[in-house]
């Protein structure tokens, strides 16, 4: 840097700092929807209905909702594939691995999806993995990391149903909509909402269908508070502006988090002889996720209809529970898991 004569170094530095700096070409500006869809349009994709869990805000329970969505669909007899795009945390892939370990330790069979975790950020590899694990699936559930990236945008662009969990906080709503901090008046859609809608418009322009977007409040506590009422009102106001539907996520339950560590849900408790009773309210919440998503029910030629499939899955589950009730968990390696599961007995049977 050249210093003019008679000008001190500190003054020159201050002048340089005060000068307007050029804008950096950050990712949110550089990844255009046209580029994203152009990359995906020519690649083979499975016929499965793709459900994407995405929110640039972390800590909202995306992996928990993704896991329970997978289990609810598997419980009904559908073929499900799960893809974890968070290559650092891999919460969804890890809980499904825990599920396999729990099933082996207890000596039982649990309905589970085929799953994979992505370690690369290529759109080509994403489509390749979707084809590998989900070509014969009815549904593919994709858990996206909590930040913007080319891979996240491609996953959202592939979605038939986009699910965005949020907590009951205006901090969580900031990426969906901009609100006046004093009056909570809606000022306009946020960065994430704008990005989703740009991808939707590009999909429509290419005759690739639209994205059904559902925003779900997750970890809602029981009871009504002033904050909850304000958040509810803000979402009701924002939904038509941003173009999403509202759904209900999972309430705040300790059992959800503790069973998660074992790869289990309340739907699995009937498969375990020592915990054959389960909490009906929690079960209804899990199936409520699917109802709010409004997923299509795939009926392949020659396959039973959706209602018949549900009834068959229910009867098979009841038969399995009855057969397992005659057995015991006598194997010594089963002890630690059985004790951990027994901790949930009071809530499961309440």
Foldseek 3Di string as FASTA:
>chain_A
DDDDPPDDPVNVVVVVVPDDDDDDCDPLNPDALVNLCVQVVPFDAAPAAEEEEAALDPDQCSLLLLLLLQQVCLLLPFAEEEEEAPLPPPLNVVLLVLQVVLCVLQVHDGRGYHYDYDPDQDPNVVRVVNCVRPNPGNYYYYYHDNRDDSSVLNSLLPHQEYEYEAELDVVRCQQQFDADPPPRHTPAGHSVLVSSVSSQVVCVVVVNDGYAYEYEHEQAEPDDDPSNVSSVVSCVVRCVRSPHHYAYAYHNDPCSVLVSSNSDAQSCQLLALVRNFFDVVRVVRSVSSVVRRVDDFDDDVPRDGSVVSSVVSVVVSVVNSVVNNPDDSPDPSNVVVVVSVVVCNVNTHD
